[in-house]
PDB file of N, CA and C in Angstrom:
ATOM      1  N   MET A   1      22.275  59.662  23.054  1.00  0.00           N
ATOM      2  CA  MET A   1      21.075  59.399  22.370  1.00  0.00           C
ATOM      3  C   MET A   1      20.250  60.860  22.029  1.00  0.00           C
ATOM      4  N   LYS A   2      19.864  60.845  21.148  1.00  0.00           N
ATOM      5  CA  LYS A   2      19.013  62.300  20.490  1.00  0.00           C
ATOM      6  C   LYS A   2      17.644  62.405  21.693  1.00  0.00           C
ATOM      7  N   LYS A   3      17.529  63.116  21.881  1.00  0.00           N
ATOM      8  CA  LYS A   3      16.557  63.389  22.790  1.00  0.00           C
ATOM      9  C   LYS A   3      14.778  63.251  22.202  1.00  0.00           C
ATOM     10  N   GLU A   4      15.025  63.608  20.631  1.00  0.00           N
ATOM     11  CA  GLU A   4      14.033  63.502  19.440  1.00  0.00           C
ATOM     12  C   GLU A   4      14.472  63.437  18.105  1.00  0.00           C
ATOM     13  N   TYR A   5      13.747  62.815  17.137  1.00  0.00           N
ATOM     14  CA  TYR A   5      14.303  61.839  15.916  1.00  0.00           C
ATOM     15  C   TYR A   5      13.733  62.899  14.982  1.00  0.00           C
ATOM     16  N   ASP A   6      13.905  63.067  13.907  1.00  0.00           N
ATOM     17  CA  ASP A   6      12.867  63.358  12.446  1.00  0.00           C
ATOM     18  C   ASP A   6      12.956  62.272  11.902  1.00  0.00           C
ATOM     19  N   PHE A   7      11.518  61.951  11.752  1.00  0.00           N
ATOM     20  CA  PHE A   7      11.225  60.571  11.300  1.00  0.00           C
ATOM     21  C   PHE A   7      10.686  61.093   9.968  1.00  0.00           C
ATOM     22  N   SER A   8      10.548  63.169   9.336  1.00  0.00           N
ATOM     23  CA  SER A   8       9.893  63.396   8.538  1.00  0.00           C
ATOM     24  C   SER A   8       9.719  62.295   7.176  1.00  0.00           C
ATOM     25  N   LYS A   9      11.150  62.098   7.145  1.00  0.00           N
ATOM     26  CA  LYS A   9      11.347  61.518   5.918  1.00  0.00           C
ATOM     27  C   LYS A   9      11.784  60.249   5.831  1.00  0.00           C
ATOM     28  N   ALA A  10      10.984  59.694   6.953  1.00  0.00           N
ATOM     29  CA  ALA A  10      11.541  58.037   6.677  1.00  0.00           C
ATOM     30  C   ALA A  10      10.109  56.914   5.691  1.00  0.00           C
ATOM     31  N   ILE A  11      11.028  55.746   5.113  1.00  0.00           N
ATOM     32  CA  ILE A  11       9.973  55.260   4.340  1.00  0.00           C
ATOM     33  C   ILE A  11       9.412  53.964   5.196  1.00  0.00           C
ATOM     34  N   LYS A  12       8.556  53.267   5.311  1.00  0.00           N
ATOM     35  CA  LYS A  12       8.444  51.914   5.558  1.00  0.00           C
ATOM     36  C   LYS A  12       8.881  51.014   4.793  1.00  0.00           C
ATOM     37  N   ASN A  13       9.377  49.911   5.756  1.00  0.00           N
ATOM     38  CA  ASN A  13      10.680  48.702   5.094  1.00  0.00           C
ATOM     39  C   ASN A  13       9.901  48.000   3.787  1.00  0.00           C
ATOM     40  N   PRO A  14      10.653  48.113   2.846  1.00  0.00           N
ATOM     41  CA  PRO A  14       9.795  46.958   1.742  1.00  0.00           C
ATOM     42  C   PRO A  14       9.799  45.864   1.880  1.00  0.00           C
ATOM     43  N   TYR A  15      10.525  45.560   2.766  1.00  0.00           N
ATOM     44  CA  TYR A  15      10.964  43.474   2.997  1.00  0.00           C
ATOM     45  C   TYR A  15       9.610  43.575   3.864  1.00  0.00           C
ATOM     46  N   VAL A  16       8.925  44.564   4.749  1.00  0.00           N
ATOM     47  CA  VAL A  16       7.919  43.599   5.099  1.00  0.00           C
ATOM     48  C   VAL A  16       7.009  43.564   4.407  1.00  0.00           C
ATOM     49  N   ASP A  17       6.295  42.043   4.721  1.00  0.00           N
ATOM     50  CA  ASP A  17       5.308  41.674   3.708  1.00  0.00           C
ATOM     51  C   ASP A  17       3.781  41.657   5.022  1.00  0.00           C
ATOM     52  N   LYS A  18       3.293  42.294   5.504  1.00  0.00           N
ATOM     53  CA  LYS A  18       1.719  42.313   6.370  1.00  0.00           C
ATOM     54  C   LYS A  18       1.106  41.210   6.108  1.00  0.00           C
ATOM     55  N   SER A  19       0.939  40.688   4.719  1.00  0.00           N
ATOM     56  CA  SER A  19       0.048  39.885   4.544  1.00  0.00           C
ATOM     57  C   SER A  19       0.698  38.756   4.931  1.00  0.00           C
ATOM     58  N   LEU A  20       1.712  38.470   5.433  1.00  0.00           N
ATOM     59  CA  LEU A  20       1.823  37.221   5.799  1.00  0.00           C
ATOM     60  C   LEU A  20       1.941  36.237   6.806  1.00  0.00           C
ATOM     61  N   LYS A  21       1.559  37.339   7.991  1.00  0.00           N
ATOM     62  CA  LYS A  21       0.839  36.757   8.787  1.00  0.00           C
ATOM     63  C   LYS A  21       0.115  37.483   9.968  1.00  0.00           C
ATOM     64  N   ARG A  22      -1.022  37.388  10.419  1.00  0.00           N
ATOM     65  CA  ARG A  22      -2.252  38.238  10.941  1.00  0.00           C
ATOM     66  C   ARG A  22      -2.358  38.080  12.093  1.00  0.00           C
ATOM     67  N   GLN A  23      -2.851  38.507  12.876  1.00  0.00           N
ATOM     68  CA  GLN A  23      -3.212  37.968  14.064  1.00  0.00           C
ATOM     69  C   GLN A  23      -4.473  37.651  14.435  1.00  0.00           C
ATOM     70  N   ILE A  24      -4.781  36.648  15.120  1.00  0.00           N
ATOM     71  CA  ILE A  24      -6.663  36.823  15.140  1.00  0.00           C
ATOM     72  C   ILE A  24      -6.936  35.838  16.398  1.00  0.00           C
ATOM     73  N   THR A  25      -7.767  36.092  16.533  1.00  0.00           N
ATOM     74  CA  THR A  25      -8.632  34.805  17.622  1.00  0.00           C
ATOM     75  C   THR A  25      -8.986  33.705  17.349  1.00  0.00           C
ATOM     76  N   ILE A  26      -8.811  32.903  17.589  1.00  0.00           N
ATOM     77  CA  ILE A  26      -9.928  31.500  17.458  1.00  0.00           C
ATOM     78  C   ILE A  26      -9.989  30.628  18.692  1.00  0.00           C
ATOM     79  N   ASN A  27     -11.156  29.798  18.725  1.00  0.00           N
ATOM     80  CA  ASN A  27     -11.883  29.451  19.950  1.00  0.00           C
ATOM     81  C   ASN A  27     -11.459  28.197  19.330  1.00  0.00           C
ATOM     82  N   LEU A  28     -10.776  27.441  20.405  1.00  0.00           N
ATOM     83  CA  LEU A  28     -10.586  25.680  20.228  1.00  0.00           C
ATOM     84  C   LEU A  28     -10.775  24.857  21.649  1.00  0.00           C
ATOM     85  N   ASN A  29     -11.643  23.695  21.270  1.00  0.00           N
ATOM     86  CA  ASN A  29     -11.455  23.238  22.578  1.00  0.00           C
ATOM     87  C   ASN A  29     -10.561  22.570  23.499  1.00  0.00           C
ATOM     88  N   ALA A  30     -10.794  22.988  24.669  1.00  0.00           N
ATOM     89  CA  ALA A  30      -9.634  22.213  25.935  1.00  0.00           C
ATOM     90  C   ALA A  30      -8.929  20.789  25.519  1.00  0.00           C
ATOM     91  N   LYS A  31      -9.699  19.883  24.688  1.00  0.00           N
ATOM     92  CA  LYS A  31      -8.489  18.489  24.359  1.00  0.00           C
ATOM     93  C   LYS A  31      -7.760  18.782  23.181  1.00  0.00           C
ATOM     94  N   VAL A  32      -8.169  19.988  22.055  1.00  0.00           N
ATOM     95  CA  VAL A  32      -7.483  20.017  20.668  1.00  0.00           C
ATOM     96  C   VAL A  32      -6.167  20.947  21.154  1.00  0.00           C
ATOM     97  N   LEU A  33      -6.593  22.253  21.769  1.00  0.00           N
ATOM     98  CA  LEU A  33      -5.178  23.039  22.656  1.00  0.00           C
ATOM     99  C   LEU A  33      -4.509  21.596  23.068  1.00  0.00           C
ATOM    100  N   ASP A  34      -4.690  21.175  24.188  1.00  0.00           N
ATOM    101  CA  ASP A  34      -4.184  20.850  25.250  1.00  0.00           C
ATOM    102  C   ASP A  34      -3.263  19.552  24.069  1.00  0.00           C
ATOM    103  N   TYR A  35      -3.784  19.203  23.223  1.00  0.00           N
ATOM    104  CA  TYR A  35      -3.096  18.166  21.730  1.00  0.00           C
ATOM    105  C   TYR A  35      -1.429  18.969  21.832  1.00  0.00           C
ATOM    106  N   PHE A  36      -2.293  19.912  21.162  1.00  0.00           N
ATOM    107  CA  PHE A  36      -1.121  20.792  19.865  1.00  0.00           C
ATOM    108  C   PHE A  36       0.002  21.272  21.448  1.00  0.00           C
ATOM    109  N   LYS A  37      -0.293  21.809  22.606  1.00  0.00           N
ATOM    110  CA  LYS A  37       1.230  22.161  23.222  1.00  0.00           C
ATOM    111  C   LYS A  37       1.424  21.390  23.783  1.00  0.00           C
ATOM    112  N   GLU A  38       1.056  19.888  23.686  1.00  0.00           N
ATOM    113  CA  GLU A  38       1.674  18.333  24.014  1.00  0.00           C
ATOM    114  C   GLU A  38       2.679  18.280  23.418  1.00  0.00           C
ATOM    115  N   MET A  39       2.281  18.228  21.751  1.00  0.00           N
ATOM    116  CA  MET A  39       3.020  18.084  20.971  1.00  0.00           C
ATOM    117  C   MET A  39       4.364  18.986  19.987  1.00  0.00           C
ATOM    118  N   ALA A  40       3.868  20.603  20.658  1.00  0.00           N
ATOM    119  CA  ALA A  40       4.515  21.552  20.719  1.00  0.00           C
ATOM    120  C   ALA A  40       5.917  21.336  21.662  1.00  0.00           C
ATOM    121  N   GLU A  41       5.590  20.875  22.737  1.00  0.00           N
ATOM    122  CA  GLU A  41       7.138  20.648  23.579  1.00  0.00           C
ATOM    123  C   GLU A  41       7.639  19.798  23.438  1.00  0.00           C
ATOM    124  N   LYS A  42       6.949  18.822  22.751  1.00  0.00           N
ATOM    125  CA  LYS A  42       8.036  17.433  22.144  1.00  0.00           C
ATOM    126  C   LYS A  42       8.881  18.129  21.587  1.00  0.00           C
ATOM    127  N   LYS A  43       8.046  18.998  20.093  1.00  0.00           N
ATOM    128  CA  LYS A  43       8.946  19.537  19.192  1.00  0.00           C
ATOM    129  C   LYS A  43       9.999  20.592  19.543  1.00  0.00           C
ATOM    130  N   GLY A  44       9.889  21.631  20.598  1.00  0.00           N
ATOM    131  CA  GLY A  44       9.818  22.288  21.183  1.00  0.00           C
ATOM    132  C   GLY A  44      10.308  23.679  20.217  1.00  0.00           C
ATOM    133  N   ILE A  45       8.791  23.736  19.710  1.00  0.00           N
ATOM    134  CA  ILE A  45       8.869  24.965  19.500  1.00  0.00           C
ATOM    135  C   ILE A  45       7.097  25.381  19.931  1.00  0.00           C
ATOM    136  N   PRO A  46       6.945  26.719  19.635  1.00  0.00           N
ATOM    137  CA  PRO A  46       5.321  27.448  20.641  1.00  0.00           C
ATOM    138  C   PRO A  46       4.209  26.722  19.987  1.00  0.00           C
ATOM    139  N   TYR A  47       3.036  26.261  20.832  1.00  0.00           N
ATOM    140  CA  TYR A  47       2.229  25.662  20.004  1.00  0.00           C
ATOM    141  C   TYR A  47       1.330  26.231  19.098  1.00  0.00           C
ATOM    142  N   GLN A  48       1.805  27.582  18.971  1.00  0.00           N
ATOM    143  CA  GLN A  48       0.950  28.119  17.808  1.00  0.00           C
ATOM    144  C   GLN A  48       1.428  28.414  16.262  1.00  0.00           C
ATOM    145  N   THR A  49       3.007  28.244  16.865  1.00  0.00           N
ATOM    146  CA  THR A  49       3.819  27.788  15.208  1.00  0.00           C
ATOM    147  C   THR A  49       3.284  26.465  15.019  1.00  0.00           C
ATOM    148  N   LEU A  50       3.416  25.662  15.805  1.00  0.00           N
ATOM    149  CA  LEU A  50       2.874  24.269  15.661  1.00  0.00           C
ATOM    150  C   LEU A  50       1.320  24.004  15.013  1.00  0.00           C
ATOM    151  N   ILE A  51       0.351  24.480  15.397  1.00  0.00           N
ATOM    152  CA  ILE A  51      -1.097  24.977  14.501  1.00  0.00           C
ATOM    153  C   ILE A  51      -0.811  25.106  13.342  1.00  0.00           C
ATOM    154  N   ASN A  52       0.211  26.569  13.364  1.00  0.00           N
ATOM    155  CA  ASN A  52       0.069  27.212  11.773  1.00  0.00           C
ATOM    156  C   ASN A  52       0.864  26.487  10.491  1.00  0.00           C
ATOM    157  N   ILE A  53       1.666  25.871  11.120  1.00  0.00           N
ATOM    158  CA  ILE A  53       2.202  24.615   9.922  1.00  0.00           C
ATOM    159  C   ILE A  53       1.861  23.090  10.034  1.00  0.00           C
ATOM    160  N   PHE A  54       0.348  23.071  10.596  1.00  0.00           N
ATOM    161  CA  PHE A  54      -0.609  21.812  10.211  1.00  0.00           C
ATOM    162  C   PHE A  54      -1.512  22.527   9.724  1.00  0.00           C
ATOM    163  N   LEU A  55      -1.965  23.640   9.741  1.00  0.00           N
ATOM    164  CA  LEU A  55      -3.132  24.275   8.702  1.00  0.00           C
ATOM    165  C   LEU A  55      -2.244  24.649   7.860  1.00  0.00           C
ATOM    166  N   ASN A  56      -1.045  25.390   7.352  1.00  0.00           N
ATOM    167  CA  ASN A  56      -0.650  25.549   6.355  1.00  0.00           C
ATOM    168  C   ASN A  56      -0.343  24.153   5.590  1.00  0.00           C
ATOM    169  N   ASP A  57      -0.138  22.978   6.304  1.00  0.00           N
ATOM    170  CA  ASP A  57       0.193  21.391   5.468  1.00  0.00           C
ATOM    171  C   ASP A  57      -1.158  21.055   4.952  1.00  0.00           C
ATOM    172  N   CYS A  58      -2.719  21.510   5.468  1.00  0.00           N
ATOM    173  CA  CYS A  58      -3.513  21.150   5.367  1.00  0.00           C
ATOM    174  C   CYS A  58      -4.249  22.184   3.781  1.00  0.00           C
ATOM    175  N   VAL A  59      -3.473  23.447   3.791  1.00  0.00           N
ATOM    176  CA  VAL A  59      -3.965  23.975   2.402  1.00  0.00           C
ATOM    177  C   VAL A  59      -2.879  23.575   1.786  1.00  0.00           C
ATOM    178  N   ASP A  60      -1.748  23.196   1.505  1.00  0.00           N
ATOM    179  CA  ASP A  60      -0.982  22.528   0.614  1.00  0.00           C
ATOM    180  C   ASP A  60      -1.536  21.586   0.312  1.00  0.00           C
ATOM    181  N   LYS A  61      -1.813  20.765   0.836  1.00  0.00           N
ATOM    182  CA  LYS A  61      -2.665  19.789   0.136  1.00  0.00           C
ATOM    183  C   LYS A  61      -3.816  19.536  -0.045  1.00  0.00           C
ATOM    184  N   LYS A  62      -4.303  20.955   0.168  1.00  0.00           N
ATOM    185  CA  LYS A  62      -5.740  21.061  -0.498  1.00  0.00           C
ATOM    186  C   LYS A  62      -7.194  19.955   0.667  1.00  0.00           C
ATOM    187  N   LEU A  63      -6.844  19.658   1.644  1.00  0.00           N
ATOM    188  CA  LEU A  63      -7.484  18.866   1.864  1.00  0.00           C
ATOM    189  C   LEU A  63      -8.798  19.351   2.865  1.00  0.00           C
ATOM    190  N   ASP A  64      -9.241  18.311   2.408  1.00  0.00           N
ATOM    191  CA  ASP A  64     -11.246  18.554   2.770  1.00  0.00           C
ATOM    192  C   ASP A  64     -11.773  17.903   3.802  1.00  0.00           C
ATOM    193  N   ILE A  65     -12.831  18.383   4.464  1.00  0.00           N
ATOM    194  CA  ILE A  65     -13.597  17.948   5.996  1.00  0.00           C
ATOM    195  C   ILE A  65     -14.646  17.713   5.570  1.00  0.00           C
ATOM    196  N   ALA A  66     -15.257  16.381   5.890  1.00  0.00           N
ATOM    197  CA  ALA A  66     -17.184  16.401   6.103  1.00  0.00           C
ATOM    198  C   ALA A  66     -17.519  17.189   7.124  1.00  0.00           C
ATOM    199  N   VAL A  67     -18.164  17.844   7.209  1.00  0.00           N
ATOM    200  CA  VAL A  67     -18.674  18.673   8.443  1.00  0.00           C
ATOM    201  C   VAL A  67     -20.331  18.478   8.440  1.00  0.00           C
ATOM    202  N   ILE A  68     -20.455  17.329   9.593  1.00  0.00           N
ATOM    203  CA  ILE A  68     -21.998  17.048   9.988  1.00  0.00           C
ATOM    204  C   ILE A  68     -22.944  17.930  10.664  1.00  0.00           C
ATOM    205  N   GLN A  69     -23.567  18.589  10.037  1.00  0.00           N
ATOM    206  CA  GLN A  69     -25.086  19.696  10.953  1.00  0.00           C
ATOM    207  C   GLN A  69     -25.191  18.363  11.457  1.00  0.00           C
ATOM    208  N   LYS A  70     -25.611  19.548  12.962  1.00  0.00           N
ATOM    209  CA  LYS A  70     -26.581  19.148  13.986  1.00  0.00           C
ATOM    210  C   LYS A  70     -27.942  19.199  13.992  1.00  0.00           C
ATOM    211  N   PRO A  71     -28.844  18.708  13.924  1.00  0.00           N
ATOM    212  CA  PRO A  71     -30.265  19.098  13.622  1.00  0.00           C
ATOM    213  C   PRO A  71     -30.484  20.032  14.611  1.00  0.00           C
TER     214      PRO A  71
END
């Protein structure tokens, strides 16, 4: 392995699309988090992936929800 590498002529990977996923912070109540963690364990996938799949399904189906504002 070389001590130093010359990256002055390097180019960004054209196949990487940064817009595909973004890291965010979201607050979920314990009941919701437990639900997705339990389901994810049964499916053998990370719970974040399962939440993303669920939300993508909502987007694809253009699902809407009634939000009731508390007075």
